[in-house]
C-alpha atoms as a PDB file:
ATOM      1  CA  MET A   1       0.000   0.000   0.000  1.00  0.00           C
ATOM      2  CA  ARG A   2       1.382   3.407  -0.892  1.00  0.00           C
ATOM      3  CA  GLU A   3       1.790   5.989   1.817  1.00  0.00           C
ATOM      4  CA  ILE A   4      -0.435   9.035   1.423  1.00  0.00           C
ATOM      5  CA  LEU A   5       1.561  12.053   2.564  1.00  0.00           C
ATOM      6  CA  PHE A   6       0.566  15.594   3.422  1.00  0.00           C
ATOM      7  CA  ARG A   7       2.399  18.793   4.274  1.00  0.00           C
ATOM      8  CA  ALA A   8       0.995  21.084   6.943  1.00  0.00           C
ATOM      9  CA  TYR A   9       2.153  24.685   6.599  1.00  0.00           C
ATOM     10  CA  ASP A  10       1.733  27.010   9.564  1.00  0.00           C
ATOM     11  CA  GLN A  11       1.481  30.457   8.007  1.00  0.00           C
ATOM     12  CA  GLU A  12       1.890  32.237  11.334  1.00  0.00           C
ATOM     13  CA  LEU A  13       5.146  30.478  12.222  1.00  0.00           C
ATOM     14  CA  GLY A  14       6.344  29.914   8.653  1.00  0.00           C
ATOM     15  CA  LEU A  15       6.998  26.224   9.349  1.00  0.00           C
ATOM     16  CA  SER A  16       5.978  23.067   7.546  1.00  0.00           C
ATOM     17  CA  GLU A  17       5.844  19.426   8.593  1.00  0.00           C
ATOM     18  CA  HIS A  18       5.112  16.269   6.617  1.00  0.00           C
ATOM     19  CA  PHE A  19       2.746  13.617   7.946  1.00  0.00           C
ATOM     20  CA  SER A  20       0.866  10.606   6.628  1.00  0.00           C
ATOM     21  CA  LEU A  21      -2.583   9.189   7.215  1.00  0.00           C
ATOM     22  CA  ASN A  22      -0.836   6.407   9.086  1.00  0.00           C
ATOM     23  CA  TYR A  23       0.386   8.842  11.740  1.00  0.00           C
ATOM     24  CA  TYR A  24      -0.953  12.022  13.296  1.00  0.00           C
ATOM     25  CA  PRO A  25       1.356  13.711  15.796  1.00  0.00           C
ATOM     26  CA  ILE A  26      -1.310  14.759  18.334  1.00  0.00           C
ATOM     27  CA  TRP A  27      -5.072  14.233  18.416  1.00  0.00           C
ATOM     28  CA  ASN A  28      -7.625  16.465  20.068  1.00  0.00           C
ATOM     29  CA  GLY A  29     -10.264  13.728  20.241  1.00  0.00           C
ATOM     30  CA  GLU A  30     -11.736  14.715  16.887  1.00  0.00           C
ATOM     31  CA  THR A  31     -11.114  13.308  13.423  1.00  0.00           C
ATOM     32  CA  LYS A  32      -8.114  15.505  12.638  1.00  0.00           C
ATOM     33  CA  PRO A  33      -4.981  16.697  14.386  1.00  0.00           C
ATOM     34  CA  TYR A  34      -5.264  19.660  16.732  1.00  0.00           C
ATOM     35  CA  TRP A  35      -3.386  21.965  14.330  1.00  0.00           C
ATOM     36  CA  ALA A  36      -5.392  21.140  11.181  1.00  0.00           C
ATOM     37  CA  ASN A  37      -7.551  24.263  11.470  1.00  0.00           C
ATOM     38  CA  LEU A  38      -4.476  26.445  11.971  1.00  0.00           C
ATOM     39  CA  CYS A  39      -2.492  25.193   8.991  1.00  0.00           C
ATOM     40  CA  LYS A  40      -2.760  24.921   5.245  1.00  0.00           C
ATOM     41  CA  ILE A  41      -2.839  21.188   4.411  1.00  0.00           C
ATOM     42  CA  GLU A  42      -1.314  20.162   1.072  1.00  0.00           C
ATOM     43  CA  GLN A  43      -1.209  16.665  -0.392  1.00  0.00           C
ATOM     44  CA  PHE A  44       1.794  14.887  -1.894  1.00  0.00           C
ATOM     45  CA  THR A  45       1.220  14.378  -5.633  1.00  0.00           C
ATOM     46  CA  GLY A  46       2.960  11.017  -5.743  1.00  0.00           C
ATOM     47  CA  LEU A  47       5.586  12.589  -8.017  1.00  0.00           C
ATOM     48  CA  THR A  48       9.158  13.644  -7.443  1.00  0.00           C
ATOM     49  CA  ASP A  49      11.186  16.256  -9.255  1.00  0.00           C
ATOM     50  CA  LYS A  50      14.294  15.325 -11.200  1.00  0.00           C
ATOM     51  CA  ASN A  51      16.353  15.641  -7.987  1.00  0.00           C
ATOM     52  CA  GLY A  52      14.135  13.164  -6.124  1.00  0.00           C
ATOM     53  CA  ASN A  53      12.285  15.796  -4.015  1.00  0.00           C
ATOM     54  CA  LYS A  54       8.615  15.076  -3.308  1.00  0.00           C
ATOM     55  CA  ILE A  55       6.216  17.423  -5.104  1.00  0.00           C
ATOM     56  CA  PHE A  56       3.309  18.737  -2.982  1.00  0.00           C
ATOM     57  CA  GLU A  57       0.365  20.982  -3.739  1.00  0.00           C
ATOM     58  CA  GLY A  58       1.536  24.568  -3.448  1.00  0.00           C
ATOM     59  CA  ASP A  59       5.035  23.885  -4.751  1.00  0.00           C
ATOM     60  CA  ILE A  60       6.378  26.100  -7.513  1.00  0.00           C
ATOM     61  CA  ILE A  61       8.074  24.013 -10.157  1.00  0.00           C
ATOM     62  CA  GLU A  62      10.080  24.853 -13.244  1.00  0.00           C
ATOM     63  CA  TYR A  63      10.241  22.925 -16.493  1.00  0.00           C
ATOM     64  CA  PRO A  64      13.854  23.697 -17.533  1.00  0.00           C
ATOM     65  CA  PRO A  65      13.612  22.911 -21.265  1.00  0.00           C
ATOM     66  CA  GLN A  66      11.039  25.701 -21.663  1.00  0.00           C
ATOM     67  CA  ARG A  67      12.044  27.738 -18.579  1.00  0.00           C
ATOM     68  CA  LYS A  68       8.349  27.821 -17.628  1.00  0.00           C
ATOM     69  CA  LYS A  69       7.211  27.996 -14.021  1.00  0.00           C
ATOM     70  CA  PHE A  70       4.040  26.492 -12.565  1.00  0.00           C
ATOM     71  CA  ILE A  71       2.165  26.232  -9.268  1.00  0.00           C
ATOM     72  CA  VAL A  72       1.166  22.658  -8.426  1.00  0.00           C
ATOM     73  CA  GLU A  73      -2.523  22.305  -7.555  1.00  0.00           C
ATOM     74  CA  PHE A  74      -5.382  19.832  -7.364  1.00  0.00           C
ATOM     75  CA  HIS A  75      -7.962  20.737 -10.004  1.00  0.00           C
ATOM     76  CA  ASN A  76     -10.795  18.742 -11.604  1.00  0.00           C
ATOM     77  CA  ASP A  77     -10.003  15.622  -9.561  1.00  0.00           C
ATOM     78  CA  CYS A  78      -6.319  15.408 -10.501  1.00  0.00           C
ATOM     79  CA  PHE A  79      -2.976  17.047  -9.823  1.00  0.00           C
ATOM     80  CA  GLY A  80      -1.749  19.526 -12.356  1.00  0.00           C
ATOM     81  CA  ALA A  81       0.055  22.809 -12.650  1.00  0.00           C
ATOM     82  CA  ARG A  82      -0.956  26.394 -13.453  1.00  0.00           C
ATOM     83  CA  ASP A  83       1.277  29.065 -14.951  1.00  0.00           C
ATOM     84  CA  LYS A  84       1.227  32.855 -14.397  1.00  0.00           C
ATOM     85  CA  LYS A  85      -1.419  33.262 -17.104  1.00  0.00           C
ATOM     86  CA  ASP A  86      -3.702  30.675 -15.408  1.00  0.00           C
ATOM     87  CA  LYS A  87      -3.048  28.150 -18.175  1.00  0.00           C
ATOM     88  CA  ARG A  88      -3.314  24.656 -16.712  1.00  0.00           C
ATOM     89  CA  THR A  89      -1.302  21.606 -17.683  1.00  0.00           C
ATOM     90  CA  ARG A  90      -0.955  18.053 -16.434  1.00  0.00           C
ATOM     91  CA  ILE A  91       2.189  16.857 -14.756  1.00  0.00           C
ATOM     92  CA  GLY A  92       3.323  13.268 -14.651  1.00  0.00           C
ATOM     93  CA  SER A  93       6.145  10.954 -13.839  1.00  0.00           C
ATOM     94  CA  GLY A  94       9.064  11.247 -16.186  1.00  0.00           C
ATOM     95  CA  ASP A  95       8.687  15.018 -16.524  1.00  0.00           C
ATOM     96  CA  ASP A  96      11.902  16.892 -15.733  1.00  0.00           C
ATOM     97  CA  PHE A  97      10.447  19.394 -13.278  1.00  0.00           C
ATOM     98  CA  ILE A  98      12.497  21.039 -10.530  1.00  0.00           C
ATOM     99  CA  ILE A  99      10.987  22.424  -7.319  1.00  0.00           C
ATOM    100  CA  ILE A 100      12.114  26.045  -7.029  1.00  0.00           C
ATOM    101  CA  GLY A 101       9.912  27.220  -4.163  1.00  0.00           C
ATOM    102  CA  ASN A 102       6.391  27.172  -2.755  1.00  0.00           C
ATOM    103  CA  ILE A 103       3.465  29.554  -2.550  1.00  0.00           C
ATOM    104  CA  HIS A 104       4.097  30.252   1.148  1.00  0.00           C
ATOM    105  CA  ASP A 105       7.691  31.400   0.909  1.00  0.00           C
ATOM    106  CA  ASN A 106       7.707  32.774  -2.643  1.00  0.00           C
ATOM    107  CA  LYS A 107       5.504  34.697  -5.022  1.00  0.00           C
ATOM    108  CA  MET A 108       5.343  33.567  -8.640  1.00  0.00           C
ATOM    109  CA  GLU A 109       6.231  37.081  -9.818  1.00  0.00           C
ATOM    110  CA  ASP A 110       9.385  37.136  -7.691  1.00  0.00           C
ATOM    111  CA  ILE A 111      10.824  33.888  -9.020  1.00  0.00           C
ATOM    112  CA  LYS A 112      13.161  34.495 -11.916  1.00  0.00           C
END
Protein backbone atom coordinates (compact mmCIF):
# COMPACT_ATOMS: atom_id res chain seq x y z
CA MET A 1 0.00 0.00 0.00
CA ARG A 2 1.38 3.41 -0.89
CA GLU A 3 1.79 5.99 1.82
CA ILE A 4 -0.43 9.04 1.42
CA LEU A 5 1.56 12.05 2.56
CA PHE A 6 0.57 15.59 3.42
CA ARG A 7 2.40 18.79 4.27
CA ALA A 8 1.00 21.08 6.94
CA TYR A 9 2.15 24.68 6.60
CA ASP A 10 1.73 27.01 9.56
CA GLN A 11 1.48 30.46 8.01
CA GLU A 12 1.89 32.24 11.33
CA LEU A 13 5.15 30.48 12.22
CA GLY A 14 6.34 29.91 8.65
CA LEU A 15 7.00 26.22 9.35
CA SER A 16 5.98 23.07 7.55
CA GLU A 17 5.84 19.43 8.59
CA HIS A 18 5.11 16.27 6.62
CA PHE A 19 2.75 13.62 7.95
CA SER A 20 0.87 10.61 6.63
CA LEU A 21 -2.58 9.19 7.21
CA ASN A 22 -0.84 6.41 9.09
CA TYR A 23 0.39 8.84 11.74
CA TYR A 24 -0.95 12.02 13.30
CA PRO A 25 1.36 13.71 15.80
CA ILE A 26 -1.31 14.76 18.33
CA TRP A 27 -5.07 14.23 18.42
CA ASN A 28 -7.62 16.46 20.07
CA GLY A 29 -10.26 13.73 20.24
CA GLU A 30 -11.74 14.72 16.89
CA THR A 31 -11.11 13.31 13.42
CA LYS A 32 -8.11 15.51 12.64
CA PRO A 33 -4.98 16.70 14.39
CA TYR A 34 -5.26 19.66 16.73
CA TRP A 35 -3.39 21.96 14.33
CA ALA A 36 -5.39 21.14 11.18
CA ASN A 37 -7.55 24.26 11.47
CA LEU A 38 -4.48 26.44 11.97
CA CYS A 39 -2.49 25.19 8.99
CA LYS A 40 -2.76 24.92 5.25
CA ILE A 41 -2.84 21.19 4.41
CA GLU A 42 -1.31 20.16 1.07
CA GLN A 43 -1.21 16.67 -0.39
CA PHE A 44 1.79 14.89 -1.89
CA THR A 45 1.22 14.38 -5.63
CA GLY A 46 2.96 11.02 -5.74
CA LEU A 47 5.59 12.59 -8.02
CA THR A 48 9.16 13.64 -7.44
CA ASP A 49 11.19 16.26 -9.26
CA LYS A 50 14.29 15.32 -11.20
CA ASN A 51 16.35 15.64 -7.99
CA GLY A 52 14.13 13.16 -6.12
CA ASN A 53 12.29 15.80 -4.02
CA LYS A 54 8.62 15.08 -3.31
CA ILE A 55 6.22 17.42 -5.10
CA PHE A 56 3.31 18.74 -2.98
CA GLU A 57 0.37 20.98 -3.74
CA GLY A 58 1.54 24.57 -3.45
CA ASP A 59 5.04 23.89 -4.75
CA ILE A 60 6.38 26.10 -7.51
CA ILE A 61 8.07 24.01 -10.16
CA GLU A 62 10.08 24.85 -13.24
CA TYR A 63 10.24 22.92 -16.49
CA PRO A 64 13.85 23.70 -17.53
CA PRO A 65 13.61 22.91 -21.26
CA GLN A 66 11.04 25.70 -21.66
CA ARG A 67 12.04 27.74 -18.58
CA LYS A 68 8.35 27.82 -17.63
CA LYS A 69 7.21 28.00 -14.02
CA PHE A 70 4.04 26.49 -12.57
CA ILE A 71 2.17 26.23 -9.27
CA VAL A 72 1.17 22.66 -8.43
CA GLU A 73 -2.52 22.31 -7.56
CA PHE A 74 -5.38 19.83 -7.36
CA HIS A 75 -7.96 20.74 -10.00
CA ASN A 76 -10.80 18.74 -11.60
CA ASP A 77 -10.00 15.62 -9.56
CA CYS A 78 -6.32 15.41 -10.50
CA PHE A 79 -2.98 17.05 -9.82
CA GLY A 80 -1.75 19.53 -12.36
CA ALA A 81 0.05 22.81 -12.65
CA ARG A 82 -0.96 26.39 -13.45
CA ASP A 83 1.28 29.07 -14.95
CA LYS A 84 1.23 32.86 -14.40
CA LYS A 85 -1.42 33.26 -17.10
CA ASP A 86 -3.70 30.68 -15.41
CA LYS A 87 -3.05 28.15 -18.17
CA ARG A 88 -3.31 24.66 -16.71
CA THR A 89 -1.30 21.61 -17.68
CA ARG A 90 -0.95 18.05 -16.43
CA ILE A 91 2.19 16.86 -14.76
CA GLY A 92 3.32 13.27 -14.65
CA SER A 93 6.15 10.95 -13.84
CA GLY A 94 9.06 11.25 -16.19
CA ASP A 95 8.69 15.02 -16.52
CA ASP A 96 11.90 16.89 -15.73
CA PHE A 97 10.45 19.39 -13.28
CA ILE A 98 12.50 21.04 -10.53
CA ILE A 99 10.99 22.42 -7.32
CA ILE A 100 12.11 26.05 -7.03
CA GLY A 101 9.91 27.22 -4.16
CA ASN A 102 6.39 27.17 -2.76
CA ILE A 103 3.46 29.55 -2.55
CA HIS A 104 4.10 30.25 1.15
CA ASP A 105 7.69 31.40 0.91
CA ASN A 106 7.71 32.77 -2.64
CA LYS A 107 5.50 34.70 -5.02
CA MET A 108 5.34 33.57 -8.64
CA GLU A 109 6.23 37.08 -9.82
CA ASP A 110 9.39 37.14 -7.69
CA ILE A 111 10.82 33.89 -9.02
CA LYS A 112 13.16 34.49 -11.92
